Amino acid sequence: MAQSKLGRNAFTVQESVNMDSFTEWYYQVLALSDDADSTYITSERPAKKIVLYATPGAASTLEAGDVMSITINGSAGTGQKLLIDLGDLPFTLTGILMTSLNCELTTGEGAGDTVALISFH
């Protein structure tokens, strides 16, 4: 049987182009009481996919009417923002290389509110 020259964890060109392969993933809980930046999504370690969901087991006060804004690849003041109704969690974003991620609660109380983030790199 022929041995692969690429190794067990190597990806084909097509997998890399389609962003269907991930080398690592990170879990993080973001506090929404103030601007929350992901420490794992950086320009050196861009994310190919993120999943946001309610923090499991947390006594959070997230409500269906609360709205969270997400800023991707830019500072919170200048970047384009996505608005997500927290009643619609979990939320998945894929198909773009993300070099930074900032989350903040735009409506609702915010004190003690958290959201869980899984980023795939």
PDB file of N, CA and C in Angstrom:
ATOM      1  N   MET A   1       0.835  -1.177   0.000  1.00  0.00           N
ATOM      2  CA  MET A   1       0.000   0.000   0.000  1.00  0.00           C
ATOM      3  C   MET A   1       0.887   1.250   0.000  1.00  0.00           C
ATOM      4  N   ALA A   2       0.536   2.210  -0.826  1.00  0.00           N
ATOM      5  CA  ALA A   2       1.347   3.415  -0.974  1.00  0.00           C
ATOM      6  C   ALA A   2       1.178   4.331   0.236  1.00  0.00           C
ATOM      7  N   GLN A   3       2.248   4.930   0.659  1.00  0.00           N
ATOM      8  CA  GLN A   3       2.221   5.871   1.772  1.00  0.00           C
ATOM      9  C   GLN A   3       1.977   7.279   1.234  1.00  0.00           C
ATOM     10  N   SER A   4       1.195   8.049   1.954  1.00  0.00           N
ATOM     11  CA  SER A   4       0.945   9.430   1.561  1.00  0.00           C
ATOM     12  C   SER A   4       2.148  10.299   1.899  1.00  0.00           C
ATOM     13  N   LYS A   5       2.534  11.166   0.985  1.00  0.00           N
ATOM     14  CA  LYS A   5       3.643  12.078   1.234  1.00  0.00           C
ATOM     15  C   LYS A   5       3.187  13.315   2.003  1.00  0.00           C
ATOM     16  N   LEU A   6       1.859  13.533   2.072  1.00  0.00           N
ATOM     17  CA  LEU A   6       1.344  14.715   2.739  1.00  0.00           C
ATOM     18  C   LEU A   6       1.243  14.555   4.248  1.00  0.00           C
ATOM     19  N   GLY A   7       1.192  13.357   4.737  1.00  0.00           N
ATOM     20  CA  GLY A   7       1.033  13.143   6.172  1.00  0.00           C
ATOM     21  C   GLY A   7      -0.429  13.044   6.559  1.00  0.00           C
ATOM     22  N   ARG A   8      -0.667  12.621   7.751  1.00  0.00           N
ATOM     23  CA  ARG A   8      -2.030  12.359   8.213  1.00  0.00           C
ATOM     24  C   ARG A   8      -2.858  13.627   8.390  1.00  0.00           C
ATOM     25  N   ASN A   9      -2.239  14.727   8.812  1.00  0.00           N
ATOM     26  CA  ASN A   9      -2.979  15.954   9.100  1.00  0.00           C
ATOM     27  C   ASN A   9      -2.872  17.008   8.003  1.00  0.00           C
ATOM     28  N   ALA A  10      -2.288  16.686   6.885  1.00  0.00           N
ATOM     29  CA  ALA A  10      -2.145  17.658   5.798  1.00  0.00           C
ATOM     30  C   ALA A  10      -3.461  17.770   5.029  1.00  0.00           C
ATOM     31  N   PHE A  11      -3.667  18.920   4.407  1.00  0.00           N
ATOM     32  CA  PHE A  11      -4.887  19.177   3.656  1.00  0.00           C
ATOM     33  C   PHE A  11      -4.569  19.302   2.178  1.00  0.00           C
ATOM     34  N   THR A  12      -5.518  18.932   1.360  1.00  0.00           N
ATOM     35  CA  THR A  12      -5.343  19.127  -0.067  1.00  0.00           C
ATOM     36  C   THR A  12      -5.545  20.602  -0.390  1.00  0.00           C
ATOM     37  N   VAL A  13      -5.132  20.998  -1.571  1.00  0.00           N
ATOM     38  CA  VAL A  13      -5.303  22.386  -1.992  1.00  0.00           C
ATOM     39  C   VAL A  13      -6.778  22.754  -2.023  1.00  0.00           C
ATOM     40  N   GLN A  14      -7.616  21.853  -2.526  1.00  0.00           N
ATOM     41  CA  GLN A  14      -9.043  22.144  -2.626  1.00  0.00           C
ATOM     42  C   GLN A  14      -9.669  22.335  -1.251  1.00  0.00           C
ATOM     43  N   GLU A  15      -9.293  21.535  -0.275  1.00  0.00           N
ATOM     44  CA  GLU A  15      -9.817  21.709   1.082  1.00  0.00           C
ATOM     45  C   GLU A  15      -9.417  23.061   1.654  1.00  0.00           C
ATOM     46  N   SER A  16      -8.187  23.461   1.434  1.00  0.00           N
ATOM     47  CA  SER A  16      -7.721  24.741   1.952  1.00  0.00           C
ATOM     48  C   SER A  16      -8.404  25.911   1.265  1.00  0.00           C
ATOM     49  N   VAL A  17      -8.600  25.822  -0.053  1.00  0.00           N
ATOM     50  CA  VAL A  17      -9.270  26.889  -0.795  1.00  0.00           C
ATOM     51  C   VAL A  17     -10.724  27.017  -0.357  1.00  0.00           C
ATOM     52  N   ASN A  18     -11.394  25.907  -0.157  1.00  0.00           N
ATOM     53  CA  ASN A  18     -12.804  25.914   0.243  1.00  0.00           C
ATOM     54  C   ASN A  18     -12.985  26.216   1.724  1.00  0.00           C
ATOM     55  N   MET A  19     -11.906  26.300   2.470  1.00  0.00           N
ATOM     56  CA  MET A  19     -11.951  26.539   3.913  1.00  0.00           C
ATOM     57  C   MET A  19     -12.760  25.467   4.631  1.00  0.00           C
ATOM     58  N   ASP A  20     -12.682  24.233   4.142  1.00  0.00           N
ATOM     59  CA  ASP A  20     -13.408  23.126   4.761  1.00  0.00           C
ATOM     60  C   ASP A  20     -12.573  22.407   5.807  1.00  0.00           C
ATOM     61  N   SER A  21     -11.349  22.836   6.027  1.00  0.00           N
ATOM     62  CA  SER A  21     -10.496  22.150   6.988  1.00  0.00           C
ATOM     63  C   SER A  21     -10.049  23.126   8.067  1.00  0.00           C
ATOM     64  N   PHE A  22      -9.931  22.615   9.276  1.00  0.00           N
ATOM     65  CA  PHE A  22      -9.547  23.434  10.410  1.00  0.00           C
ATOM     66  C   PHE A  22      -8.384  22.764  11.120  1.00  0.00           C
ATOM     67  N   THR A  23      -7.399  23.548  11.541  1.00  0.00           N
ATOM     68  CA  THR A  23      -6.257  22.971  12.236  1.00  0.00           C
ATOM     69  C   THR A  23      -6.413  23.028  13.748  1.00  0.00           C
ATOM     70  N   GLU A  24      -7.212  23.980  14.255  1.00  0.00           N
ATOM     71  CA  GLU A  24      -7.413  24.107  15.692  1.00  0.00           C
ATOM     72  C   GLU A  24      -8.718  24.836  15.968  1.00  0.00           C
ATOM     73  N   TRP A  25      -9.195  24.728  17.201  1.00  0.00           N
ATOM     74  CA  TRP A  25     -10.410  25.437  17.617  1.00  0.00           C
ATOM     75  C   TRP A  25     -10.209  25.927  19.043  1.00  0.00           C
ATOM     76  N   TYR A  26     -10.964  26.976  19.395  1.00  0.00           N
ATOM     77  CA  TYR A  26     -10.858  27.578  20.733  1.00  0.00           C
ATOM     78  C   TYR A  26     -12.254  27.875  21.266  1.00  0.00           C
ATOM     79  N   TYR A  27     -12.412  27.711  22.571  1.00  0.00           N
ATOM     80  CA  TYR A  27     -13.661  28.021  23.271  1.00  0.00           C
ATOM     81  C   TYR A  27     -13.398  29.208  24.176  1.00  0.00           C
ATOM     82  N   GLN A  28     -14.339  30.146  24.192  1.00  0.00           N
ATOM     83  CA  GLN A  28     -14.170  31.337  25.018  1.00  0.00           C
ATOM     84  C   GLN A  28     -15.545  31.831  25.446  1.00  0.00           C
ATOM     85  N   VAL A  29     -15.639  32.333  26.669  1.00  0.00           N
ATOM     86  CA  VAL A  29     -16.861  32.966  27.157  1.00  0.00           C
ATOM     87  C   VAL A  29     -16.630  34.475  27.134  1.00  0.00           C
ATOM     88  N   LEU A  30     -17.515  35.188  26.436  1.00  0.00           N
ATOM     89  CA  LEU A  30     -17.391  36.634  26.309  1.00  0.00           C
ATOM     90  C   LEU A  30     -18.406  37.322  27.207  1.00  0.00           C
ATOM     91  N   ALA A  31     -17.955  38.245  28.041  1.00  0.00           N
ATOM     92  CA  ALA A  31     -18.850  39.033  28.898  1.00  0.00           C
ATOM     93  C   ALA A  31     -19.395  40.191  28.075  1.00  0.00           C
ATOM     94  N   LEU A  32     -20.701  40.351  28.058  1.00  0.00           N
ATOM     95  CA  LEU A  32     -21.335  41.378  27.233  1.00  0.00           C
ATOM     96  C   LEU A  32     -21.593  42.675  27.982  1.00  0.00           C
ATOM     97  N   SER A  33     -21.120  42.789  29.221  1.00  0.00           N
ATOM     98  CA  SER A  33     -21.348  44.009  29.984  1.00  0.00           C
ATOM     99  C   SER A  33     -20.542  45.186  29.418  1.00  0.00           C
ATOM    100  N   ASP A  34     -19.483  44.876  28.699  1.00  0.00           N
ATOM    101  CA  ASP A  34     -18.702  45.901  28.006  1.00  0.00           C
ATOM    102  C   ASP A  34     -18.239  45.297  26.683  1.00  0.00           C
ATOM    103  N   ASP A  35     -17.479  46.044  25.921  1.00  0.00           N
ATOM    104  CA  ASP A  35     -16.963  45.502  24.665  1.00  0.00           C
ATOM    105  C   ASP A  35     -16.122  44.268  24.957  1.00  0.00           C
ATOM    106  N   ALA A  36     -16.442  43.165  24.302  1.00  0.00           N
ATOM    107  CA  ALA A  36     -15.723  41.923  24.512  1.00  0.00           C
ATOM    108  C   ALA A  36     -14.991  41.545  23.230  1.00  0.00           C
ATOM    109  N   ASP A  37     -13.672  41.500  23.300  1.00  0.00           N
ATOM    110  CA  ASP A  37     -12.854  41.088  22.169  1.00  0.00           C
ATOM    111  C   ASP A  37     -12.422  39.643  22.361  1.00  0.00           C
ATOM    112  N   SER A  38     -12.432  38.889  21.273  1.00  0.00           N
ATOM    113  CA  SER A  38     -11.929  37.526  21.330  1.00  0.00           C
ATOM    114  C   SER A  38     -10.406  37.571  21.362  1.00  0.00           C
ATOM    115  N   THR A  39      -9.813  36.873  22.324  1.00  0.00           N
ATOM    116  CA  THR A  39      -8.357  36.851  22.427  1.00  0.00           C
ATOM    117  C   THR A  39      -7.745  35.817  21.492  1.00  0.00           C
ATOM    118  N   TYR A  40      -8.551  34.910  20.952  1.00  0.00           N
ATOM    119  CA  TYR A  40      -8.026  33.847  20.098  1.00  0.00           C
ATOM    120  C   TYR A  40      -8.077  34.187  18.615  1.00  0.00           C
ATOM    121  N   ILE A  41      -8.895  35.148  18.213  1.00  0.00           N
ATOM    122  CA  ILE A  41      -8.997  35.522  16.805  1.00  0.00           C
ATOM    123  C   ILE A  41      -8.090  36.722  16.577  1.00  0.00           C
ATOM    124  N   THR A  42      -6.989  36.492  15.893  1.00  0.00           N
ATOM    125  CA  THR A  42      -5.999  37.536  15.637  1.00  0.00           C
ATOM    126  C   THR A  42      -5.556  37.460  14.181  1.00  0.00           C
ATOM    127  N   SER A  43      -4.776  38.441  13.760  1.00  0.00           N
ATOM    128  CA  SER A  43      -4.266  38.422  12.389  1.00  0.00           C
ATOM    129  C   SER A  43      -3.265  37.277  12.193  1.00  0.00           C
ATOM    130  N   GLU A  44      -2.581  36.879  13.264  1.00  0.00           N
ATOM    131  CA  GLU A  44      -1.668  35.740  13.172  1.00  0.00           C
ATOM    132  C   GLU A  44      -2.415  34.411  13.174  1.00  0.00           C
ATOM    133  N   ARG A  45      -3.630  34.405  13.745  1.00  0.00           N
ATOM    134  CA  ARG A  45      -4.419  33.180  13.861  1.00  0.00           C
ATOM    135  C   ARG A  45      -5.864  33.489  13.444  1.00  0.00           C
ATOM    136  N   PRO A  46      -6.118  33.746  12.146  1.00  0.00           N
ATOM    137  CA  PRO A  46      -7.471  34.108  11.716  1.00  0.00           C
ATOM    138  C   PRO A  46      -8.440  32.921  11.828  1.00  0.00           C
ATOM    139  N   ALA A  47      -9.675  33.242  12.116  1.00  0.00           N
ATOM    140  CA  ALA A  47     -10.708  32.210  12.217  1.00  0.00           C
ATOM    141  C   ALA A  47     -11.414  32.050  10.878  1.00  0.00           C
ATOM    142  N   LYS A  48     -11.745  30.802  10.539  1.00  0.00           N
ATOM    143  CA  LYS A  48     -12.485  30.517   9.312  1.00  0.00           C
ATOM    144  C   LYS A  48     -13.977  30.383   9.587  1.00  0.00           C
ATOM    145  N   LYS A  49     -14.315  30.111  10.849  1.00  0.00           N
ATOM    146  CA  LYS A  49     -15.715  29.882  11.218  1.00  0.00           C
ATOM    147  C   LYS A  49     -15.868  30.196  12.703  1.00  0.00           C
ATOM    148  N   ILE A  50     -17.018  30.798  13.072  1.00  0.00           N
ATOM    149  CA  ILE A  50     -17.324  31.009  14.489  1.00  0.00           C
ATOM    150  C   ILE A  50     -18.740  30.532  14.771  1.00  0.00           C
ATOM    151  N   VAL A  51     -18.962  30.118  15.993  1.00  0.00           N
ATOM    152  CA  VAL A  51     -20.289  29.749  16.470  1.00  0.00           C
ATOM    153  C   VAL A  51     -20.503  30.461  17.797  1.00  0.00           C
ATOM    154  N   LEU A  52     -21.564  31.263  17.891  1.00  0.00           N
ATOM    155  CA  LEU A  52     -21.951  31.949  19.128  1.00  0.00           C
ATOM    156  C   LEU A  52     -23.201  31.281  19.669  1.00  0.00           C
ATOM    157  N   TYR A  53     -23.227  31.030  20.968  1.00  0.00           N
ATOM    158  CA  TYR A  53     -24.407  30.429  21.587  1.00  0.00           C
ATOM    159  C   TYR A  53     -24.475  30.823  23.051  1.00  0.00           C
ATOM    160  N   ALA A  54     -25.642  30.598  23.647  1.00  0.00           N
ATOM    161  CA  ALA A  54     -25.823  30.921  25.065  1.00  0.00           C
ATOM    162  C   ALA A  54     -24.856  30.080  25.889  1.00  0.00           C
ATOM    163  N   THR A  55     -24.248  30.695  26.884  1.00  0.00           N
ATOM    164  CA  THR A  55     -23.274  30.004  27.719  1.00  0.00           C
ATOM    165  C   THR A  55     -23.954  28.865  28.471  1.00  0.00           C
ATOM    166  N   PRO A  56     -23.478  27.634  28.292  1.00  0.00           N
ATOM    167  CA  PRO A  56     -24.129  26.501  28.955  1.00  0.00           C
ATOM    168  C   PRO A  56     -23.948  26.552  30.469  1.00  0.00           C
ATOM    169  N   GLY A  57     -25.033  26.303  31.194  1.00  0.00           N
ATOM    170  CA  GLY A  57     -24.991  26.235  32.646  1.00  0.00           C
ATOM    171  C   GLY A  57     -24.887  27.569  33.346  1.00  0.00           C
ATOM    172  N   ALA A  58     -24.880  28.657  32.611  1.00  0.00           N
ATOM    173  CA  ALA A  58     -24.726  29.980  33.243  1.00  0.00           C
ATOM    174  C   ALA A  58     -26.089  30.552  33.589  1.00  0.00           C
ATOM    175  N   ALA A  59     -26.137  31.246  34.709  1.00  0.00           N
ATOM    176  CA  ALA A  59     -27.366  31.924  35.106  1.00  0.00           C
ATOM    177  C   ALA A  59     -27.392  33.284  34.426  1.00  0.00           C
ATOM    178  N   SER A  60     -27.600  33.275  33.130  1.00  0.00           N
ATOM    179  CA  SER A  60     -27.558  34.493  32.335  1.00  0.00           C
ATOM    180  C   SER A  60     -28.954  35.087  32.214  1.00  0.00           C
ATOM    181  N   THR A  61     -29.005  36.383  32.014  1.00  0.00           N
ATOM    182  CA  THR A  61     -30.286  37.061  31.860  1.00  0.00           C
ATOM    183  C   THR A  61     -30.552  37.429  30.407  1.00  0.00           C
ATOM    184  N   LEU A  62     -29.969  36.677  29.468  1.00  0.00           N
ATOM    185  CA  LEU A  62     -30.223  36.928  28.053  1.00  0.00           C
ATOM    186  C   LEU A  62     -31.704  36.718  27.767  1.00  0.00           C
ATOM    187  N   GLU A  63     -32.263  37.656  27.045  1.00  0.00           N
ATOM    188  CA  GLU A  63     -33.677  37.579  26.692  1.00  0.00           C
ATOM    189  C   GLU A  63     -33.825  37.655  25.187  1.00  0.00           C
ATOM    190  N   ALA A  64     -34.981  37.215  24.695  1.00  0.00           N
ATOM    191  CA  ALA A  64     -35.223  37.170  23.255  1.00  0.00           C
ATOM    192  C   ALA A  64     -35.165  38.554  22.626  1.00  0.00           C
ATOM    193  N   GLY A  65     -35.474  39.606  23.343  1.00  0.00           N
ATOM    194  CA  GLY A  65     -35.467  40.951  22.784  1.00  0.00           C
ATOM    195  C   GLY A  65     -34.117  41.636  22.799  1.00  0.00           C
ATOM    196  N   ASP A  66     -33.143  41.050  23.491  1.00  0.00           N
ATOM    197  CA  ASP A  66     -31.809  41.640  23.545  1.00  0.00           C
ATOM    198  C   ASP A  66     -31.126  41.535  22.180  1.00  0.00           C
ATOM    199  N   VAL A  67     -30.355  42.547  21.845  1.00  0.00           N
ATOM    200  CA  VAL A  67     -29.636  42.574  20.569  1.00  0.00           C
ATOM    201  C   VAL A  67     -28.153  42.751  20.844  1.00  0.00           C
ATOM    202  N   MET A  68     -27.344  41.936  20.178  1.00  0.00           N
ATOM    203  CA  MET A  68     -25.903  42.000  20.299  1.00  0.00           C
ATOM    204  C   MET A  68     -25.333  42.444  18.956  1.00  0.00           C
ATOM    205  N   SER A  69     -24.333  43.314  18.988  1.00  0.00           N
ATOM    206  CA  SER A  69     -23.658  43.704  17.750  1.00  0.00           C
ATOM    207  C   SER A  69     -22.288  43.040  17.707  1.00  0.00           C
ATOM    208  N   ILE A  70     -21.908  42.604  16.514  1.00  0.00           N
ATOM    209  CA  ILE A  70     -20.620  41.952  16.291  1.00  0.00           C
ATOM    210  C   ILE A  70     -19.863  42.772  15.257  1.00  0.00           C
ATOM    211  N   THR A  71     -18.638  43.108  15.568  1.00  0.00           N
ATOM    212  CA  THR A  71     -17.760  43.796  14.624  1.00  0.00           C
ATOM    213  C   THR A  71     -16.663  42.830  14.215  1.00  0.00           C
ATOM    214  N   ILE A  72     -16.494  42.640  12.907  1.00  0.00           N
ATOM    215  CA  ILE A  72     -15.516  41.699  12.383  1.00  0.00           C
ATOM    216  C   ILE A  72     -14.467  42.467  11.585  1.00  0.00           C
ATOM    217  N   ASN A  73     -13.206  42.135  11.802  1.00  0.00           N
ATOM    218  CA  ASN A  73     -12.081  42.695  11.039  1.00  0.00           C
ATOM    219  C   ASN A  73     -12.027  44.214  11.080  1.00  0.00           C
ATOM    220  N   GLY A  74     -12.233  44.781  12.233  1.00  0.00           N
ATOM    221  CA  GLY A  74     -12.135  46.226  12.353  1.00  0.00           C
ATOM    222  C   GLY A  74     -12.399  46.660  13.772  1.00  0.00           C
ATOM    223  N   SER A  75     -12.110  47.916  14.054  1.00  0.00           N
ATOM    224  CA  SER A  75     -12.381  48.425  15.389  1.00  0.00           C
ATOM    225  C   SER A  75     -13.876  48.666  15.530  1.00  0.00           C
ATOM    226  N   ALA A  76     -14.351  48.686  16.741  1.00  0.00           N
ATOM    227  CA  ALA A  76     -15.788  48.808  16.991  1.00  0.00           C
ATOM    228  C   ALA A  76     -16.350  50.119  16.459  1.00  0.00           C
ATOM    229  N   GLY A  77     -15.538  51.162  16.365  1.00  0.00           N
ATOM    230  CA  GLY A  77     -16.033  52.444  15.890  1.00  0.00           C
ATOM    231  C   GLY A  77     -16.106  52.554  14.383  1.00  0.00           C
ATOM    232  N   THR A  78     -15.247  51.808  13.667  1.00  0.00           N
ATOM    233  CA  THR A  78     -15.162  51.989  12.223  1.00  0.00           C
ATOM    234  C   THR A  78     -15.629  50.795  11.412  1.00  0.00           C
ATOM    235  N   GLY A  79     -15.693  49.625  11.997  1.00  0.00           N
ATOM    236  CA  GLY A  79     -16.028  48.420  11.238  1.00  0.00           C
ATOM    237  C   GLY A  79     -17.515  48.279  10.979  1.00  0.00           C
ATOM    238  N   GLN A  80     -17.834  47.384  10.080  1.00  0.00           N
ATOM    239  CA  GLN A  80     -19.231  47.055   9.817  1.00  0.00           C
ATOM    240  C   GLN A  80     -19.735  46.149  10.934  1.00  0.00           C
ATOM    241  N   LYS A  81     -20.961  46.393  11.387  1.00  0.00           N
ATOM    242  CA  LYS A  81     -21.510  45.637  12.508  1.00  0.00           C
ATOM    243  C   LYS A  81     -22.650  44.739  12.054  1.00  0.00           C
ATOM    244  N   LEU A  82     -22.700  43.540  12.633  1.00  0.00           N
ATOM    245  CA  LEU A  82     -23.822  42.635  12.464  1.00  0.00           C
ATOM    246  C   LEU A  82     -24.666  42.722  13.721  1.00  0.00           C
ATOM    247  N   LEU A  83     -25.975  42.821  13.564  1.00  0.00           N
ATOM    248  CA  LEU A  83     -26.876  42.834  14.714  1.00  0.00           C
ATOM    249  C   LEU A  83     -27.564  41.489  14.803  1.00  0.00           C
ATOM    250  N   ILE A  84     -27.499  40.878  15.982  1.00  0.00           N
ATOM    251  CA  ILE A  84     -28.069  39.554  16.190  1.00  0.00           C
ATOM    252  C   ILE A  84     -29.036  39.610  17.354  1.00  0.00           C
ATOM    253  N   ASP A  85     -30.257  39.168  17.126  1.00  0.00           N
ATOM    254  CA  ASP A  85     -31.235  39.019  18.204  1.00  0.00           C
ATOM    255  C   ASP A  85     -30.813  37.793  19.011  1.00  0.00           C
ATOM    256  N   LEU A  86     -30.582  37.961  20.300  1.00  0.00           N
ATOM    257  CA  LEU A  86     -30.064  36.867  21.123  1.00  0.00           C
ATOM    258  C   LEU A  86     -31.055  35.722  21.273  1.00  0.00           C
ATOM    259  N   GLY A  87     -32.314  35.940  20.912  1.00  0.00           N
ATOM    260  CA  GLY A  87     -33.263  34.839  20.892  1.00  0.00           C
ATOM    261  C   GLY A  87     -33.020  33.887  19.733  1.00  0.00           C
ATOM    262  N   ASP A  88     -32.188  34.314  18.773  1.00  0.00           N
ATOM    263  CA  ASP A  88     -31.888  33.495  17.593  1.00  0.00           C
ATOM    264  C   ASP A  88     -30.600  32.695  17.728  1.00  0.00           C
ATOM    265  N   LEU A  89     -30.004  32.668  18.916  1.00  0.00           N
ATOM    266  CA  LEU A  89     -28.793  31.871  19.107  1.00  0.00           C
ATOM    267  C   LEU A  89     -29.131  30.399  19.051  1.00  0.00           C
ATOM    268  N   PRO A  90     -28.279  29.534  18.580  1.00  0.00           N
ATOM    269  CA  PRO A  90     -26.896  29.739  18.175  1.00  0.00           C
ATOM    270  C   PRO A  90     -26.800  30.400  16.801  1.00  0.00           C
ATOM    271  N   PHE A  91     -25.665  31.088  16.583  1.00  0.00           N
ATOM    272  CA  PHE A  91     -25.399  31.821  15.352  1.00  0.00           C
ATOM    273  C   PHE A  91     -24.057  31.364  14.803  1.00  0.00           C
ATOM    274  N   THR A  92     -24.022  31.012  13.521  1.00  0.00           N
ATOM    275  CA  THR A  92     -22.797  30.547  12.876  1.00  0.00           C
ATOM    276  C   THR A  92     -22.424  31.496  11.756  1.00  0.00           C
ATOM    277  N   LEU A  93     -21.157  31.838  11.671  1.00  0.00           N
ATOM    278  CA  LEU A  93     -20.650  32.679  10.596  1.00  0.00           C
ATOM    279  C   LEU A  93     -19.444  31.976   9.988  1.00  0.00           C
ATOM    280  N   THR A  94     -19.496  31.776   8.674  1.00  0.00           N
ATOM    281  CA  THR A  94     -18.419  31.086   7.971  1.00  0.00           C
ATOM    282  C   THR A  94     -18.250  31.704   6.590  1.00  0.00           C
ATOM    283  N   GLY A  95     -17.167  31.351   5.910  1.00  0.00           N
ATOM    284  CA  GLY A  95     -16.946  31.840   4.559  1.00  0.00           C
ATOM    285  C   GLY A  95     -16.141  33.121   4.478  1.00  0.00           C
ATOM    286  N   ILE A  96     -15.598  33.588   5.594  1.00  0.00           N
ATOM    287  CA  ILE A  96     -14.778  34.801   5.621  1.00  0.00           C
ATOM    288  C   ILE A  96     -13.648  34.577   6.620  1.00  0.00           C
ATOM    289  N   LEU A  97     -12.456  35.053   6.299  1.00  0.00           N
ATOM    290  CA  LEU A  97     -11.359  34.994   7.260  1.00  0.00           C
ATOM    291  C   LEU A  97     -11.506  36.143   8.233  1.00  0.00           C
ATOM    292  N   MET A  98     -11.602  35.830   9.510  1.00  0.00           N
ATOM    293  CA  MET A  98     -11.807  36.837  10.550  1.00  0.00           C
ATOM    294  C   MET A  98     -10.512  37.038  11.326  1.00  0.00           C
ATOM    295  N   THR A  99     -10.018  38.271  11.327  1.00  0.00           N
ATOM    296  CA  THR A  99      -8.784  38.579  12.044  1.00  0.00           C
ATOM    297  C   THR A  99      -9.040  39.271  13.373  1.00  0.00           C
ATOM    298  N   SER A 100     -10.283  39.693  13.609  1.00  0.00           N
ATOM    299  CA  SER A 100     -10.660  40.246  14.908  1.00  0.00           C
ATOM    300  C   SER A 100     -12.168  40.102  15.064  1.00  0.00           C
ATOM    301  N   LEU A 101     -12.608  40.031  16.315  1.00  0.00           N
ATOM    302  CA  LEU A 101     -14.031  39.885  16.621  1.00  0.00           C
ATOM    303  C   LEU A 101     -14.324  40.651  17.897  1.00  0.00           C
ATOM    304  N   ASN A 102     -15.332  41.506  17.850  1.00  0.00           N
ATOM    305  CA  ASN A 102     -15.755  42.289  19.011  1.00  0.00           C
ATOM    306  C   ASN A 102     -17.247  42.123  19.170  1.00  0.00           C
ATOM    307  N   CYS A 103     -17.708  41.826  20.377  1.00  0.00           N
ATOM    308  CA  CYS A 103     -19.136  41.667  20.664  1.00  0.00           C
ATOM    309  C   CYS A 103     -19.536  42.650  21.754  1.00  0.00           C
ATOM    310  N   GLU A 104     -20.723  43.242  21.605  1.00  0.00           N
ATOM    311  CA  GLU A 104     -21.262  44.094  22.659  1.00  0.00           C
ATOM    312  C   GLU A 104     -22.775  44.014  22.630  1.00  0.00           C
ATOM    313  N   LEU A 105     -23.374  44.225  23.786  1.00  0.00           N
ATOM    314  CA  LEU A 105     -24.821  44.193  23.918  1.00  0.00           C
ATOM    315  C   LEU A 105     -25.351  45.592  23.628  1.00  0.00           C
ATOM    316  N   THR A 106     -26.219  45.716  22.611  1.00  0.00           N
ATOM    317  CA  THR A 106     -26.721  47.038  22.246  1.00  0.00           C
ATOM    318  C   THR A 106     -28.049  47.358  22.912  1.00  0.00           C
ATOM    319  N   THR A 107     -28.823  46.342  23.273  1.00  0.00           N
ATOM    320  CA  THR A 107     -30.041  46.549  24.054  1.00  0.00           C
ATOM    321  C   THR A 107     -30.048  45.540  25.190  1.00  0.00           C
ATOM    322  N   GLY A 108     -30.771  45.818  26.246  1.00  0.00           N
ATOM    323  CA  GLY A 108     -30.795  44.934  27.401  1.00  0.00           C
ATOM    324  C   GLY A 108     -29.892  45.460  28.491  1.00  0.00           C
ATOM    325  N   GLU A 109     -29.874  44.758  29.607  1.00  0.00           N
ATOM    326  CA  GLU A 109     -29.145  45.233  30.779  1.00  0.00           C
ATOM    327  C   GLU A 109     -27.646  45.008  30.675  1.00  0.00           C
ATOM    328  N   GLY A 110     -27.228  43.827  30.266  1.00  0.00           N
ATOM    329  CA  GLY A 110     -25.812  43.560  30.068  1.00  0.00           C
ATOM    330  C   GLY A 110     -25.053  43.085  31.283  1.00  0.00           C
ATOM    331  N   ALA A 111     -25.458  43.436  32.479  1.00  0.00           N
ATOM    332  CA  ALA A 111     -24.724  43.026  33.679  1.00  0.00           C
ATOM    333  C   ALA A 111     -24.843  41.518  33.870  1.00  0.00           C
ATOM    334  N   GLY A 112     -23.732  40.829  33.820  1.00  0.00           N
ATOM    335  CA  GLY A 112     -23.721  39.385  34.027  1.00  0.00           C
ATOM    336  C   GLY A 112     -24.053  38.577  32.790  1.00  0.00           C
ATOM    337  N   ASP A 113     -24.378  39.226  31.680  1.00  0.00           N
ATOM    338  CA  ASP A 113     -24.697  38.488  30.456  1.00  0.00           C
ATOM    339  C   ASP A 113     -23.419  38.007  29.788  1.00  0.00           C
ATOM    340  N   THR A 114     -23.431  36.757  29.375  1.00  0.00           N
ATOM    341  CA  THR A 114     -22.297  36.182  28.666  1.00  0.00           C
ATOM    342  C   THR A 114     -22.790  35.399  27.453  1.00  0.00           C
ATOM    343  N   VAL A 115     -21.908  35.213  26.518  1.00  0.00           N
ATOM    344  CA  VAL A 115     -22.191  34.392  25.354  1.00  0.00           C
ATOM    345  C   VAL A 115     -20.950  33.537  25.114  1.00  0.00           C
ATOM    346  N   ALA A 116     -21.153  32.293  24.688  1.00  0.00           N
ATOM    347  CA  ALA A 116     -20.041  31.386  24.423  1.00  0.00           C
ATOM    348  C   ALA A 116     -19.660  31.475  22.948  1.00  0.00           C
ATOM    349  N   LEU A 117     -18.369  31.369  22.689  1.00  0.00           N
ATOM    350  CA  LEU A 117     -17.836  31.473  21.329  1.00  0.00           C
ATOM    351  C   LEU A 117     -16.919  30.277  21.085  1.00  0.00           C
ATOM    352  N   ILE A 118     -17.135  29.602  19.964  1.00  0.00           N
ATOM    353  CA  ILE A 118     -16.186  28.598  19.480  1.00  0.00           C
ATOM    354  C   ILE A 118     -15.659  29.120  18.152  1.00  0.00           C
ATOM    355  N   SER A 119     -14.360  29.242  18.041  1.00  0.00           N
ATOM    356  CA  SER A 119     -13.760  29.702  16.796  1.00  0.00           C
ATOM    357  C   SER A 119     -12.912  28.564  16.212  1.00  0.00           C
ATOM    358  N   PHE A 120     -13.055  28.370  14.906  1.00  0.00           N
ATOM    359  CA  PHE A 120     -12.331  27.333  14.187  1.00  0.00           C
ATOM    360  C   PHE A 120     -11.292  28.005  13.299  1.00  0.00           C
ATOM    361  N   HIS A 121     -10.042  27.539  13.380  1.00  0.00           N
ATOM    362  CA  HIS A 121      -8.928  28.170  12.668  1.00  0.00           C
ATOM    363  C   HIS A 121      -8.309  27.207  11.685  1.00  0.00           C
TER     364      HIS A 121
END
